[in-house]
Amino acid sequence: MKKNVLVQSDLENIKKGLNELGHSVVDMETGVDIDAIVYMADGANVNYHNQIMDVGENILNNNGAILINATGKTIEDIDNMINNKVYSPLGLRG
């Protein structure tokens, strides 16, 4: 099923891959419901955090959007997470 996905601006390969898998990569200004937001973070560099949070406040979809950190994930992993609204493990150890 086609989903509307907002992807961090510099992740061109992910945008291309999601388009090839049938998803619609949208801009924040398009005014459509957003199903997922894909970004890349290494745990230290989160300088775009405010941008992601601003997007979250502007989403028209009352069902919410899944946030996906693309770090270390294949396009197939990301596609599965979008389609199934599955979160990845946080990697926390007790």
PDB file of N, CA and C in Angstrom:
ATOM      1  N   MET A   1       0.837  -1.181   0.000  1.00  0.00           N
ATOM      2  CA  MET A   1       0.000   0.000   0.000  1.00  0.00           C
ATOM      3  C   MET A   1       0.883   1.246   0.000  1.00  0.00           C
ATOM      4  N   LYS A   2       0.569   2.179  -0.845  1.00  0.00           N
ATOM      5  CA  LYS A   2       1.345   3.411  -0.983  1.00  0.00           C
ATOM      6  C   LYS A   2       1.185   4.273   0.264  1.00  0.00           C
ATOM      7  N   LYS A   3       2.313   4.751   0.774  1.00  0.00           N
ATOM      8  CA  LYS A   3       2.331   5.617   1.951  1.00  0.00           C
ATOM      9  C   LYS A   3       3.004   6.937   1.596  1.00  0.00           C
ATOM     10  N   ASN A   4       2.593   7.999   2.264  1.00  0.00           N
ATOM     11  CA  ASN A   4       3.235   9.300   2.119  1.00  0.00           C
ATOM     12  C   ASN A   4       4.348   9.393   3.147  1.00  0.00           C
ATOM     13  N   VAL A   5       5.573   9.587   2.659  1.00  0.00           N
ATOM     14  CA  VAL A   5       6.742   9.560   3.523  1.00  0.00           C
ATOM     15  C   VAL A   5       7.538  10.852   3.365  1.00  0.00           C
ATOM     16  N   LEU A   6       7.837  11.475   4.485  1.00  0.00           N
ATOM     17  CA  LEU A   6       8.713  12.642   4.514  1.00  0.00           C
ATOM     18  C   LEU A   6      10.106  12.143   4.858  1.00  0.00           C
ATOM     19  N   VAL A   7      11.092  12.468   4.014  1.00  0.00           N
ATOM     20  CA  VAL A   7      12.461  11.981   4.204  1.00  0.00           C
ATOM     21  C   VAL A   7      13.386  13.182   4.387  1.00  0.00           C
ATOM     22  N   GLN A   8      14.297  13.061   5.337  1.00  0.00           N
ATOM     23  CA  GLN A   8      15.308  14.103   5.574  1.00  0.00           C
ATOM     24  C   GLN A   8      15.906  14.521   4.236  1.00  0.00           C
ATOM     25  N   SER A   9      16.087  15.815   4.037  1.00  0.00           N
ATOM     26  CA  SER A   9      16.417  16.364   2.721  1.00  0.00           C
ATOM     27  C   SER A   9      17.665  15.788   2.070  1.00  0.00           C
ATOM     28  N   ASP A  10      18.675  15.400   2.824  1.00  0.00           N
ATOM     29  CA  ASP A  10      19.920  14.936   2.209  1.00  0.00           C
ATOM     30  C   ASP A  10      19.991  13.422   2.017  1.00  0.00           C
ATOM     31  N   LEU A  11      18.910  12.704   2.213  1.00  0.00           N
ATOM     32  CA  LEU A  11      18.911  11.243   2.071  1.00  0.00           C
ATOM     33  C   LEU A  11      18.349  10.835   0.707  1.00  0.00           C
ATOM     34  N   GLU A  12      19.047  11.237  -0.347  1.00  0.00           N
ATOM     35  CA  GLU A  12      18.572  11.031  -1.719  1.00  0.00           C
ATOM     36  C   GLU A  12      18.396   9.558  -2.075  1.00  0.00           C
ATOM     37  N   ASN A  13      19.311   8.688  -1.649  1.00  0.00           N
ATOM     38  CA  ASN A  13      19.186   7.261  -1.973  1.00  0.00           C
ATOM     39  C   ASN A  13      17.945   6.651  -1.343  1.00  0.00           C
ATOM     40  N   ILE A  14      17.620   7.080  -0.137  1.00  0.00           N
ATOM     41  CA  ILE A  14      16.421   6.570   0.528  1.00  0.00           C
ATOM     42  C   ILE A  14      15.174   7.085  -0.184  1.00  0.00           C
ATOM     43  N   LYS A  15      15.172   8.353  -0.566  1.00  0.00           N
ATOM     44  CA  LYS A  15      14.037   8.900  -1.317  1.00  0.00           C
ATOM     45  C   LYS A  15      13.807   8.100  -2.592  1.00  0.00           C
ATOM     46  N   LYS A  16      14.882   7.862  -3.330  1.00  0.00           N
ATOM     47  CA  LYS A  16      14.786   7.122  -4.590  1.00  0.00           C
ATOM     48  C   LYS A  16      14.277   5.709  -4.345  1.00  0.00           C
ATOM     49  N   GLY A  17      14.838   5.031  -3.347  1.00  0.00           N
ATOM     50  CA  GLY A  17      14.428   3.664  -3.044  1.00  0.00           C
ATOM     51  C   GLY A  17      12.970   3.564  -2.644  1.00  0.00           C
ATOM     52  N   LEU A  18      12.499   4.494  -1.825  1.00  0.00           N
ATOM     53  CA  LEU A  18      11.099   4.462  -1.403  1.00  0.00           C
ATOM     54  C   LEU A  18      10.166   4.745  -2.574  1.00  0.00           C
ATOM     55  N   ASN A  19      10.562   5.668  -3.463  1.00  0.00           N
ATOM     56  CA  ASN A  19       9.769   5.907  -4.674  1.00  0.00           C
ATOM     57  C   ASN A  19       9.685   4.649  -5.522  1.00  0.00           C
ATOM     58  N   GLU A  20      10.806   3.951  -5.677  1.00  0.00           N
ATOM     59  CA  GLU A  20      10.830   2.726  -6.479  1.00  0.00           C
ATOM     60  C   GLU A  20       9.967   1.628  -5.867  1.00  0.00           C
ATOM     61  N   LEU A  21       9.799   1.657  -4.543  1.00  0.00           N
ATOM     62  CA  LEU A  21       8.956   0.670  -3.865  1.00  0.00           C
ATOM     63  C   LEU A  21       7.487   1.087  -3.838  1.00  0.00           C
ATOM     64  N   GLY A  22       7.175   2.222  -4.460  1.00  0.00           N
ATOM     65  CA  GLY A  22       5.785   2.636  -4.590  1.00  0.00           C
ATOM     66  C   GLY A  22       5.296   3.655  -3.583  1.00  0.00           C
ATOM     67  N   HIS A  23       6.167   4.117  -2.711  1.00  0.00           N
ATOM     68  CA  HIS A  23       5.770   5.141  -1.746  1.00  0.00           C
ATOM     69  C   HIS A  23       5.850   6.514  -2.395  1.00  0.00           C
ATOM     70  N   SER A  24       5.120   7.446  -1.836  1.00  0.00           N
ATOM     71  CA  SER A  24       5.155   8.824  -2.301  1.00  0.00           C
ATOM     72  C   SER A  24       6.007   9.633  -1.330  1.00  0.00           C
ATOM     73  N   VAL A  25       7.156  10.110  -1.799  1.00  0.00           N
ATOM     74  CA  VAL A  25       8.023  10.943  -0.967  1.00  0.00           C
ATOM     75  C   VAL A  25       7.511  12.371  -1.095  1.00  0.00           C
ATOM     76  N   VAL A  26       7.104  12.947   0.033  1.00  0.00           N
ATOM     77  CA  VAL A  26       6.448  14.251   0.027  1.00  0.00           C
ATOM     78  C   VAL A  26       7.295  15.284   0.757  1.00  0.00           C
ATOM     79  N   ASP A  27       6.988  16.548   0.475  1.00  0.00           N
ATOM     80  CA  ASP A  27       7.604  17.670   1.173  1.00  0.00           C
ATOM     81  C   ASP A  27       6.676  18.115   2.291  1.00  0.00           C
ATOM     82  N   MET A  28       7.246  18.804   3.248  1.00  0.00           N
ATOM     83  CA  MET A  28       6.476  19.291   4.379  1.00  0.00           C
ATOM     84  C   MET A  28       5.352  20.224   3.917  1.00  0.00           C
ATOM     85  N   GLU A  29       5.570  20.910   2.820  1.00  0.00           N
ATOM     86  CA  GLU A  29       4.613  21.907   2.352  1.00  0.00           C
ATOM     87  C   GLU A  29       3.501  21.333   1.479  1.00  0.00           C
ATOM     88  N   THR A  30       3.489  20.036   1.214  1.00  0.00           N
ATOM     89  CA  THR A  30       2.511  19.479   0.282  1.00  0.00           C
ATOM     90  C   THR A  30       1.097  19.463   0.833  1.00  0.00           C
ATOM     91  N   GLY A  31       0.940  19.488   2.147  1.00  0.00           N
ATOM     92  CA  GLY A  31      -0.391  19.513   2.734  1.00  0.00           C
ATOM     93  C   GLY A  31      -1.113  18.188   2.688  1.00  0.00           C
ATOM     94  N   VAL A  32      -0.394  17.083   2.616  1.00  0.00           N
ATOM     95  CA  VAL A  32      -1.019  15.761   2.633  1.00  0.00           C
ATOM     96  C   VAL A  32      -0.709  15.070   3.954  1.00  0.00           C
ATOM     97  N   ASP A  33      -1.517  14.064   4.276  1.00  0.00           N
ATOM     98  CA  ASP A  33      -1.238  13.258   5.459  1.00  0.00           C
ATOM     99  C   ASP A  33       0.109  12.575   5.306  1.00  0.00           C
ATOM    100  N   ILE A  34       0.892  12.567   6.356  1.00  0.00           N
ATOM    101  CA  ILE A  34       2.202  11.921   6.336  1.00  0.00           C
ATOM    102  C   ILE A  34       2.128  10.670   7.189  1.00  0.00           C
ATOM    103  N   ASP A  35       2.530   9.534   6.602  1.00  0.00           N
ATOM    104  CA  ASP A  35       2.493   8.261   7.312  1.00  0.00           C
ATOM    105  C   ASP A  35       3.781   7.970   8.055  1.00  0.00           C
ATOM    106  N   ALA A  36       4.903   8.484   7.559  1.00  0.00           N
ATOM    107  CA  ALA A  36       6.198   8.196   8.175  1.00  0.00           C
ATOM    108  C   ALA A  36       7.164   9.341   7.918  1.00  0.00           C
ATOM    109  N   ILE A  37       8.094   9.507   8.861  1.00  0.00           N
ATOM    110  CA  ILE A  37       9.174  10.475   8.725  1.00  0.00           C
ATOM    111  C   ILE A  37      10.477   9.708   8.872  1.00  0.00           C
ATOM    112  N   VAL A  38      11.322   9.782   7.836  1.00  0.00           N
ATOM    113  CA  VAL A  38      12.591   9.057   7.842  1.00  0.00           C
ATOM    114  C   VAL A  38      13.722  10.066   7.995  1.00  0.00           C
ATOM    115  N   TYR A  39      14.587   9.794   8.956  1.00  0.00           N
ATOM    116  CA  TYR A  39      15.722  10.671   9.232  1.00  0.00           C
ATOM    117  C   TYR A  39      16.926   9.800   9.555  1.00  0.00           C
ATOM    118  N   MET A  40      18.080  10.410   9.696  1.00  0.00           N
ATOM    119  CA  MET A  40      19.278   9.668  10.058  1.00  0.00           C
ATOM    120  C   MET A  40      19.935  10.369  11.238  1.00  0.00           C
ATOM    121  N   ALA A  41      20.199   9.600  12.298  1.00  0.00           N
ATOM    122  CA  ALA A  41      20.850  10.137  13.497  1.00  0.00           C
ATOM    123  C   ALA A  41      21.856   9.126  14.005  1.00  0.00           C
ATOM    124  N   ASP A  42      22.975   9.649  14.487  1.00  0.00           N
ATOM    125  CA  ASP A  42      24.018   8.764  15.007  1.00  0.00           C
ATOM    126  C   ASP A  42      24.080   8.784  16.529  1.00  0.00           C
ATOM    127  N   GLY A  43      23.134   9.437  17.153  1.00  0.00           N
ATOM    128  CA  GLY A  43      23.116   9.522  18.600  1.00  0.00           C
ATOM    129  C   GLY A  43      23.742  10.798  19.126  1.00  0.00           C
ATOM    130  N   ALA A  44      24.587  11.420  18.342  1.00  0.00           N
ATOM    131  CA  ALA A  44      25.236  12.658  18.778  1.00  0.00           C
ATOM    132  C   ALA A  44      24.775  13.848  17.950  1.00  0.00           C
ATOM    133  N   ASN A  45      24.577  13.628  16.652  1.00  0.00           N
ATOM    134  CA  ASN A  45      24.216  14.702  15.740  1.00  0.00           C
ATOM    135  C   ASN A  45      22.703  14.751  15.581  1.00  0.00           C
ATOM    136  N   VAL A  46      22.058  15.610  16.328  1.00  0.00           N
ATOM    137  CA  VAL A  46      20.609  15.740  16.236  1.00  0.00           C
ATOM    138  C   VAL A  46      20.222  17.199  15.974  1.00  0.00           C
ATOM    139  N   ASN A  47      21.018  17.878  15.173  1.00  0.00           N
ATOM    140  CA  ASN A  47      20.777  19.294  14.923  1.00  0.00           C
ATOM    141  C   ASN A  47      19.506  19.556  14.124  1.00  0.00           C
ATOM    142  N   TYR A  48      18.891  18.551  13.543  1.00  0.00           N
ATOM    143  CA  TYR A  48      17.644  18.722  12.807  1.00  0.00           C
ATOM    144  C   TYR A  48      16.450  18.318  13.656  1.00  0.00           C
ATOM    145  N   HIS A  49      16.657  18.064  14.959  1.00  0.00           N
ATOM    146  CA  HIS A  49      15.584  17.645  15.857  1.00  0.00           C
ATOM    147  C   HIS A  49      14.410  18.615  15.821  1.00  0.00           C
ATOM    148  N   ASN A  50      14.677  19.922  15.861  1.00  0.00           N
ATOM    149  CA  ASN A  50      13.598  20.906  15.839  1.00  0.00           C
ATOM    150  C   ASN A  50      12.791  20.829  14.557  1.00  0.00           C
ATOM    151  N   GLN A  51      13.463  20.564  13.440  1.00  0.00           N
ATOM    152  CA  GLN A  51      12.755  20.445  12.166  1.00  0.00           C
ATOM    153  C   GLN A  51      11.794  19.267  12.204  1.00  0.00           C
ATOM    154  N   ILE A  52      12.248  18.135  12.742  1.00  0.00           N
ATOM    155  CA  ILE A  52      11.386  16.955  12.840  1.00  0.00           C
ATOM    156  C   ILE A  52      10.202  17.252  13.748  1.00  0.00           C
ATOM    157  N   MET A  53      10.441  17.909  14.866  1.00  0.00           N
ATOM    158  CA  MET A  53       9.365  18.210  15.795  1.00  0.00           C
ATOM    159  C   MET A  53       8.373  19.189  15.178  1.00  0.00           C
ATOM    160  N   ASP A  54       8.852  20.161  14.401  1.00  0.00           N
ATOM    161  CA  ASP A  54       7.956  21.082  13.710  1.00  0.00           C
ATOM    162  C   ASP A  54       7.070  20.337  12.728  1.00  0.00           C
ATOM    163  N   VAL A  55       7.632  19.367  12.024  1.00  0.00           N
ATOM    164  CA  VAL A  55       6.852  18.556  11.092  1.00  0.00           C
ATOM    165  C   VAL A  55       5.760  17.836  11.851  1.00  0.00           C
ATOM    166  N   GLY A  56       6.108  17.271  12.992  1.00  0.00           N
ATOM    167  CA  GLY A  56       5.129  16.543  13.794  1.00  0.00           C
ATOM    168  C   GLY A  56       3.941  17.400  14.182  1.00  0.00           C
ATOM    169  N   GLU A  57       4.164  18.663  14.433  1.00  0.00           N
ATOM    170  CA  GLU A  57       3.079  19.561  14.795  1.00  0.00           C
ATOM    171  C   GLU A  57       2.211  19.929  13.601  1.00  0.00           C
ATOM    172  N   ASN A  58       2.737  19.790  12.391  1.00  0.00           N
ATOM    173  CA  ASN A  58       2.004  20.186  11.196  1.00  0.00           C
ATOM    174  C   ASN A  58       1.352  19.026  10.459  1.00  0.00           C
ATOM    175  N   ILE A  59       1.500  17.810  10.961  1.00  0.00           N
ATOM    176  CA  ILE A  59       0.926  16.648  10.286  1.00  0.00           C
ATOM    177  C   ILE A  59      -0.597  16.712  10.351  1.00  0.00           C
ATOM    178  N   LEU A  60      -1.240  16.490   9.214  1.00  0.00           N
ATOM    179  CA  LEU A  60      -2.693  16.520   9.158  1.00  0.00           C
ATOM    180  C   LEU A  60      -3.308  15.206   9.609  1.00  0.00           C
ATOM    181  N   ASN A  61      -2.537  14.152   9.614  1.00  0.00           N
ATOM    182  CA  ASN A  61      -3.022  12.813   9.904  1.00  0.00           C
ATOM    183  C   ASN A  61      -3.234  12.640  11.399  1.00  0.00           C
ATOM    184  N   ASN A  62      -4.478  12.402  11.808  1.00  0.00           N
ATOM    185  CA  ASN A  62      -4.778  12.205  13.222  1.00  0.00           C
ATOM    186  C   ASN A  62      -4.285  10.867  13.736  1.00  0.00           C
ATOM    187  N   ASN A  63      -3.897   9.958  12.852  1.00  0.00           N
ATOM    188  CA  ASN A  63      -3.400   8.651  13.267  1.00  0.00           C
ATOM    189  C   ASN A  63      -1.931   8.701  13.654  1.00  0.00           C
ATOM    190  N   GLY A  64      -1.259   9.786  13.383  1.00  0.00           N
ATOM    191  CA  GLY A  64       0.155   9.920  13.712  1.00  0.00           C
ATOM    192  C   GLY A  64       1.044   9.347  12.627  1.00  0.00           C
ATOM    193  N   ALA A  65       2.306   9.698  12.717  1.00  0.00           N
ATOM    194  CA  ALA A  65       3.306   9.223  11.759  1.00  0.00           C
ATOM    195  C   ALA A  65       4.405   8.519  12.531  1.00  0.00           C
ATOM    196  N   ILE A  66       4.914   7.454  11.953  1.00  0.00           N
ATOM    197  CA  ILE A  66       6.017   6.728  12.572  1.00  0.00           C
ATOM    198  C   ILE A  66       7.320   7.457  12.250  1.00  0.00           C
ATOM    199  N   LEU A  67       8.189   7.596  13.243  1.00  0.00           N
ATOM    200  CA  LEU A  67       9.519   8.174  13.046  1.00  0.00           C
ATOM    201  C   LEU A  67      10.504   7.034  12.879  1.00  0.00           C
ATOM    202  N   ILE A  68      11.289   7.077  11.805  1.00  0.00           N
ATOM    203  CA  ILE A  68      12.227   5.994  11.510  1.00  0.00           C
ATOM    204  C   ILE A  68      13.633   6.554  11.377  1.00  0.00           C
ATOM    205  N   ASN A  69      14.528   6.085  12.239  1.00  0.00           N
ATOM    206  CA  ASN A  69      15.945   6.424  12.130  1.00  0.00           C
ATOM    207  C   ASN A  69      16.548   5.442  11.133  1.00  0.00           C
ATOM    208  N   ALA A  70      16.985   5.935   9.988  1.00  0.00           N
ATOM    209  CA  ALA A  70      17.478   5.084   8.904  1.00  0.00           C
ATOM    210  C   ALA A  70      18.897   4.573   9.126  1.00  0.00           C
ATOM    211  N   THR A  71      19.561   5.023  10.167  1.00  0.00           N
ATOM    212  CA  THR A  71      20.942   4.610  10.418  1.00  0.00           C
ATOM    213  C   THR A  71      21.037   3.094  10.544  1.00  0.00           C
ATOM    214  N   GLY A  72      21.873   2.484   9.706  1.00  0.00           N
ATOM    215  CA  GLY A  72      22.106   1.046   9.758  1.00  0.00           C
ATOM    216  C   GLY A  72      20.998   0.190   9.176  1.00  0.00           C
ATOM    217  N   LYS A  73      20.041   0.797   8.487  1.00  0.00           N
ATOM    218  CA  LYS A  73      18.912   0.051   7.931  1.00  0.00           C
ATOM    219  C   LYS A  73      18.972   0.039   6.406  1.00  0.00           C
ATOM    220  N   THR A  74      18.526  -1.073   5.833  1.00  0.00           N
ATOM    221  CA  THR A  74      18.403  -1.162   4.383  1.00  0.00           C
ATOM    222  C   THR A  74      17.090  -0.519   3.962  1.00  0.00           C
ATOM    223  N   ILE A  75      16.940  -0.283   2.679  1.00  0.00           N
ATOM    224  CA  ILE A  75      15.685   0.268   2.176  1.00  0.00           C
ATOM    225  C   ILE A  75      14.543  -0.711   2.436  1.00  0.00           C
ATOM    226  N   GLU A  76      14.840  -2.013   2.404  1.00  0.00           N
ATOM    227  CA  GLU A  76      13.822  -3.025   2.695  1.00  0.00           C
ATOM    228  C   GLU A  76      13.398  -2.959   4.157  1.00  0.00           C
ATOM    229  N   ASP A  77      14.355  -2.736   5.060  1.00  0.00           N
ATOM    230  CA  ASP A  77      14.024  -2.571   6.485  1.00  0.00           C
ATOM    231  C   ASP A  77      13.085  -1.386   6.676  1.00  0.00           C
ATOM    232  N   ILE A  78      13.421  -0.277   6.040  1.00  0.00           N
ATOM    233  CA  ILE A  78      12.619   0.943   6.170  1.00  0.00           C
ATOM    234  C   ILE A  78      11.230   0.724   5.592  1.00  0.00           C
ATOM    235  N   ASP A  79      11.150   0.079   4.438  1.00  0.00           N
ATOM    236  CA  ASP A  79       9.867  -0.224   3.805  1.00  0.00           C
ATOM    237  C   ASP A  79       9.000  -1.069   4.734  1.00  0.00           C
ATOM    238  N   ASN A  80       9.580  -2.083   5.350  1.00  0.00           N
ATOM    239  CA  ASN A  80       8.839  -2.940   6.276  1.00  0.00           C
ATOM    240  C   ASN A  80       8.324  -2.136   7.470  1.00  0.00           C
ATOM    241  N   MET A  81       9.156  -1.254   7.991  1.00  0.00           N
ATOM    242  CA  MET A  81       8.747  -0.434   9.131  1.00  0.00           C
ATOM    243  C   MET A  81       7.609   0.511   8.753  1.00  0.00           C
ATOM    244  N   ILE A  82       7.660   1.070   7.552  1.00  0.00           N
ATOM    245  CA  ILE A  82       6.599   1.966   7.091  1.00  0.00           C
ATOM    246  C   ILE A  82       5.296   1.192   6.924  1.00  0.00           C
ATOM    247  N   ASN A  83       5.360   0.069   6.231  1.00  0.00           N
ATOM    248  CA  ASN A  83       4.148  -0.693   5.936  1.00  0.00           C
ATOM    249  C   ASN A  83       3.492  -1.290   7.169  1.00  0.00           C
ATOM    250  N   ASN A  84       4.298  -1.669   8.143  1.00  0.00           N
ATOM    251  CA  ASN A  84       3.770  -2.353   9.323  1.00  0.00           C
ATOM    252  C   ASN A  84       3.765  -1.490  10.578  1.00  0.00           C
ATOM    253  N   LYS A  85       4.214  -0.238  10.437  1.00  0.00           N
ATOM    254  CA  LYS A  85       4.349   0.668  11.594  1.00  0.00           C
ATOM    255  C   LYS A  85       5.056  -0.041  12.742  1.00  0.00           C
ATOM    256  N   VAL A  86       6.198  -0.639  12.396  1.00  0.00           N
ATOM    257  CA  VAL A  86       7.003  -1.391  13.352  1.00  0.00           C
ATOM    258  C   VAL A  86       8.205  -0.544  13.741  1.00  0.00           C
ATOM    259  N   TYR A  87       8.420  -0.417  15.021  1.00  0.00           N
ATOM    260  CA  TYR A  87       9.575   0.331  15.519  1.00  0.00           C
ATOM    261  C   TYR A  87      10.764  -0.593  15.640  1.00  0.00           C
ATOM    262  N   SER A  88      11.947  -0.040  15.455  1.00  0.00           N
ATOM    263  CA  SER A  88      13.160  -0.831  15.632  1.00  0.00           C
ATOM    264  C   SER A  88      13.545  -0.828  17.104  1.00  0.00           C
ATOM    265  N   PRO A  89      14.302  -1.837  17.533  1.00  0.00           N
ATOM    266  CA  PRO A  89      14.752  -1.863  18.929  1.00  0.00           C
ATOM    267  C   PRO A  89      15.620  -0.648  19.230  1.00  0.00           C
ATOM    268  N   LEU A  90      15.547  -0.184  20.451  1.00  0.00           N
ATOM    269  CA  LEU A  90      16.331   0.979  20.849  1.00  0.00           C
ATOM    270  C   LEU A  90      17.779   0.629  21.129  1.00  0.00           C
ATOM    271  N   GLY A  91      18.068  -0.631  21.288  1.00  0.00           N
ATOM    272  CA  GLY A  91      19.436  -1.049  21.531  1.00  0.00           C
ATOM    273  C   GLY A  91      19.889  -0.817  22.957  1.00  0.00           C
ATOM    274  N   LEU A  92      18.940  -0.657  23.859  1.00  0.00           N
ATOM    275  CA  LEU A  92      19.280  -0.430  25.260  1.00  0.00           C
ATOM    276  C   LEU A  92      19.567  -1.757  25.943  1.00  0.00           C
ATOM    277  N   ARG A  93      20.539  -1.742  26.781  1.00  0.00           N
ATOM    278  CA  ARG A  93      20.899  -2.960  27.508  1.00  0.00           C
ATOM    279  C   ARG A  93      20.789  -2.696  29.003  1.00  0.00           C
ATOM    280  N   GLY A  94      20.297  -3.700  29.718  1.00  0.00           N
ATOM    281  CA  GLY A  94      20.069  -3.547  31.151  1.00  0.00           C
ATOM    282  C   GLY A  94      21.161  -3.880  32.027  1.00  0.00           C
TER     283      GLY A  94
END
